[in-house]
Structures are given as C-alpha cells and as structure tokens.
C-alpha cells in the first residue's frame, strides 16, 4: 500500500448502529438495512446501505 493515495490513517472509535429504513411500498423506497456511524459525542458521521431486505 503506497502513500501516494492518502495523507494519513488512524484508528478511531465510533458508534455503529444498524437500522432498517424504507417502507417497501414502492421500488423507490425499498426496505433496506443501513449502518449509521456516529461520533462518541453524538455527531452523525455517515451511513452505508448493506442490502435490500
């Protein structure tokens, strides 16, 4: 892994929460599992969709 692509890396503690989103009532709003990442002081960082349920 060369260092031409990133400036720094470090291990940090975050809160990881898995939730279900969507109503499943249409193709535009499917039910899906989402992983949310929060800082330890309660700031929302980002989320990722795992897969459609």
N, C-alpha and C. Protein backbone atom coordinates (compact mmCIF):
# COMPACT_ATOMS: atom_id res chain seq x y z
N UNK A 1 0.86 -1.17 0.00
CA UNK A 1 0.00 0.00 0.00
C UNK A 1 0.91 1.23 0.00
N UNK A 2 0.95 1.94 -1.12
CA UNK A 2 1.76 3.14 -1.21
C UNK A 2 1.07 4.32 -0.56
N UNK A 3 1.84 5.36 -0.28
CA UNK A 3 1.25 6.52 0.38
C UNK A 3 0.91 7.64 -0.62
N UNK A 4 0.85 7.33 -1.92
CA UNK A 4 0.51 8.32 -2.93
C UNK A 4 -0.98 8.67 -2.95
N UNK A 5 -1.82 7.84 -2.35
CA UNK A 5 -3.26 8.00 -2.44
C UNK A 5 -3.92 8.57 -1.20
N UNK A 6 -3.24 8.56 -0.07
CA UNK A 6 -3.82 9.13 1.14
C UNK A 6 -2.73 9.81 1.95
N UNK A 7 -3.16 10.77 2.75
CA UNK A 7 -2.22 11.56 3.54
C UNK A 7 -1.95 10.92 4.90
N UNK A 8 -3.00 10.39 5.54
CA UNK A 8 -2.81 9.78 6.85
C UNK A 8 -3.92 8.76 7.12
N UNK A 9 -3.70 7.93 8.10
CA UNK A 9 -4.69 6.95 8.53
C UNK A 9 -4.53 6.75 10.02
N UNK A 10 -5.64 6.52 10.69
CA UNK A 10 -5.59 6.25 12.12
C UNK A 10 -6.82 5.45 12.52
N UNK A 11 -6.73 4.76 13.61
CA UNK A 11 -7.85 4.01 14.15
C UNK A 11 -8.57 4.92 15.14
N UNK A 12 -9.89 5.07 14.94
CA UNK A 12 -10.69 5.91 15.83
C UNK A 12 -11.91 5.13 16.30
N UNK A 13 -12.43 5.48 17.46
CA UNK A 13 -13.63 4.84 17.99
C UNK A 13 -14.85 5.58 17.50
N UNK A 14 -15.83 4.83 16.99
CA UNK A 14 -17.11 5.39 16.58
C UNK A 14 -18.22 4.47 17.08
N UNK A 15 -19.45 4.98 17.05
CA UNK A 15 -20.60 4.18 17.39
C UNK A 15 -21.23 3.71 16.09
N UNK A 16 -21.44 2.42 15.96
CA UNK A 16 -22.02 1.83 14.75
C UNK A 16 -23.41 1.31 15.10
N UNK A 17 -24.43 1.78 14.36
CA UNK A 17 -25.82 1.38 14.61
C UNK A 17 -26.39 0.81 13.31
N UNK A 18 -27.03 -0.35 13.40
CA UNK A 18 -27.70 -0.94 12.25
C UNK A 18 -29.20 -0.70 12.40
N UNK A 19 -29.82 -0.11 11.37
CA UNK A 19 -31.24 0.20 11.40
C UNK A 19 -31.88 -0.29 10.11
N UNK A 20 -33.20 -0.35 10.09
CA UNK A 20 -33.97 -0.65 8.89
C UNK A 20 -34.62 0.63 8.42
N UNK A 21 -34.51 0.93 7.12
CA UNK A 21 -35.12 2.12 6.53
C UNK A 21 -35.99 1.72 5.36
N UNK A 22 -36.93 2.57 5.00
CA UNK A 22 -37.81 2.35 3.86
C UNK A 22 -39.14 1.75 4.25
N UNK A 23 -40.13 1.99 3.40
CA UNK A 23 -41.47 1.47 3.66
C UNK A 23 -41.74 0.17 2.91
N UNK A 24 -41.01 -0.06 1.81
CA UNK A 24 -41.25 -1.24 0.99
C UNK A 24 -42.49 -1.13 0.13
N UNK A 25 -43.08 0.05 0.07
CA UNK A 25 -44.32 0.26 -0.67
C UNK A 25 -44.08 0.54 -2.15
N UNK A 26 -42.83 0.81 -2.54
CA UNK A 26 -42.53 1.08 -3.94
C UNK A 26 -41.07 0.75 -4.21
N UNK A 27 -40.70 0.68 -5.50
CA UNK A 27 -39.31 0.44 -5.88
C UNK A 27 -38.40 1.58 -5.44
N UNK A 28 -38.97 2.80 -5.33
CA UNK A 28 -38.19 3.96 -4.95
C UNK A 28 -37.90 4.00 -3.44
N UNK A 29 -38.64 3.22 -2.65
CA UNK A 29 -38.48 3.22 -1.20
C UNK A 29 -38.45 1.80 -0.64
N UNK A 30 -37.45 0.99 -1.07
CA UNK A 30 -37.39 -0.39 -0.60
C UNK A 30 -36.98 -0.46 0.87
N UNK A 31 -37.35 -1.55 1.52
CA UNK A 31 -36.87 -1.79 2.87
C UNK A 31 -35.42 -2.24 2.76
N UNK A 32 -34.55 -1.63 3.55
CA UNK A 32 -33.13 -1.97 3.49
C UNK A 32 -32.48 -1.80 4.85
N UNK A 33 -31.41 -2.54 5.08
CA UNK A 33 -30.61 -2.37 6.28
C UNK A 33 -29.57 -1.30 6.02
N UNK A 34 -29.42 -0.41 6.98
CA UNK A 34 -28.49 0.69 6.86
C UNK A 34 -27.61 0.70 8.10
N UNK A 35 -26.32 0.93 7.92
CA UNK A 35 -25.41 1.08 9.04
C UNK A 35 -25.07 2.56 9.17
N UNK A 36 -25.34 3.11 10.35
CA UNK A 36 -25.04 4.51 10.64
C UNK A 36 -23.81 4.58 11.53
N UNK A 37 -22.97 5.58 11.31
CA UNK A 37 -21.79 5.79 12.12
C UNK A 37 -21.89 7.14 12.81
N UNK A 38 -21.70 7.15 14.13
CA UNK A 38 -21.82 8.34 14.96
C UNK A 38 -20.54 8.51 15.77
N UNK A 39 -20.18 9.76 16.04
CA UNK A 39 -19.05 10.03 16.92
C UNK A 39 -19.46 9.74 18.35
N UNK A 40 -18.50 9.62 19.25
CA UNK A 40 -18.80 9.35 20.64
C UNK A 40 -19.54 10.50 21.31
N UNK A 41 -19.46 11.70 20.74
CA UNK A 41 -20.18 12.84 21.31
C UNK A 41 -21.53 13.07 20.63
N UNK A 42 -22.00 12.10 19.81
CA UNK A 42 -23.35 12.14 19.26
C UNK A 42 -23.49 12.80 17.90
N UNK A 43 -22.40 13.08 17.21
CA UNK A 43 -22.47 13.70 15.88
C UNK A 43 -22.60 12.61 14.81
N UNK A 44 -23.64 12.75 13.95
CA UNK A 44 -23.81 11.80 12.85
C UNK A 44 -22.66 11.98 11.85
N UNK A 45 -22.02 10.88 11.45
CA UNK A 45 -20.88 10.94 10.54
C UNK A 45 -21.29 10.55 9.11
N UNK A 46 -21.81 9.32 8.94
CA UNK A 46 -22.23 8.85 7.63
C UNK A 46 -23.01 7.56 7.77
N UNK A 47 -23.62 7.12 6.66
CA UNK A 47 -24.31 5.85 6.67
C UNK A 47 -24.01 5.10 5.39
N UNK A 48 -24.15 3.77 5.46
CA UNK A 48 -23.99 2.90 4.30
C UNK A 48 -25.15 1.92 4.27
N UNK A 49 -25.63 1.61 3.07
CA UNK A 49 -26.68 0.63 2.89
C UNK A 49 -26.04 -0.74 2.72
N UNK A 50 -26.52 -1.71 3.47
CA UNK A 50 -25.96 -3.06 3.38
C UNK A 50 -26.56 -3.82 2.19
N UNK A 51 -27.88 -3.97 2.18
CA UNK A 51 -28.56 -4.74 1.14
C UNK A 51 -30.05 -4.56 1.29
N UNK A 52 -30.78 -4.86 0.25
CA UNK A 52 -32.24 -4.82 0.34
C UNK A 52 -32.73 -6.05 1.09
N UNK A 53 -33.70 -5.87 1.96
CA UNK A 53 -34.25 -6.99 2.75
C UNK A 53 -35.29 -7.74 1.96
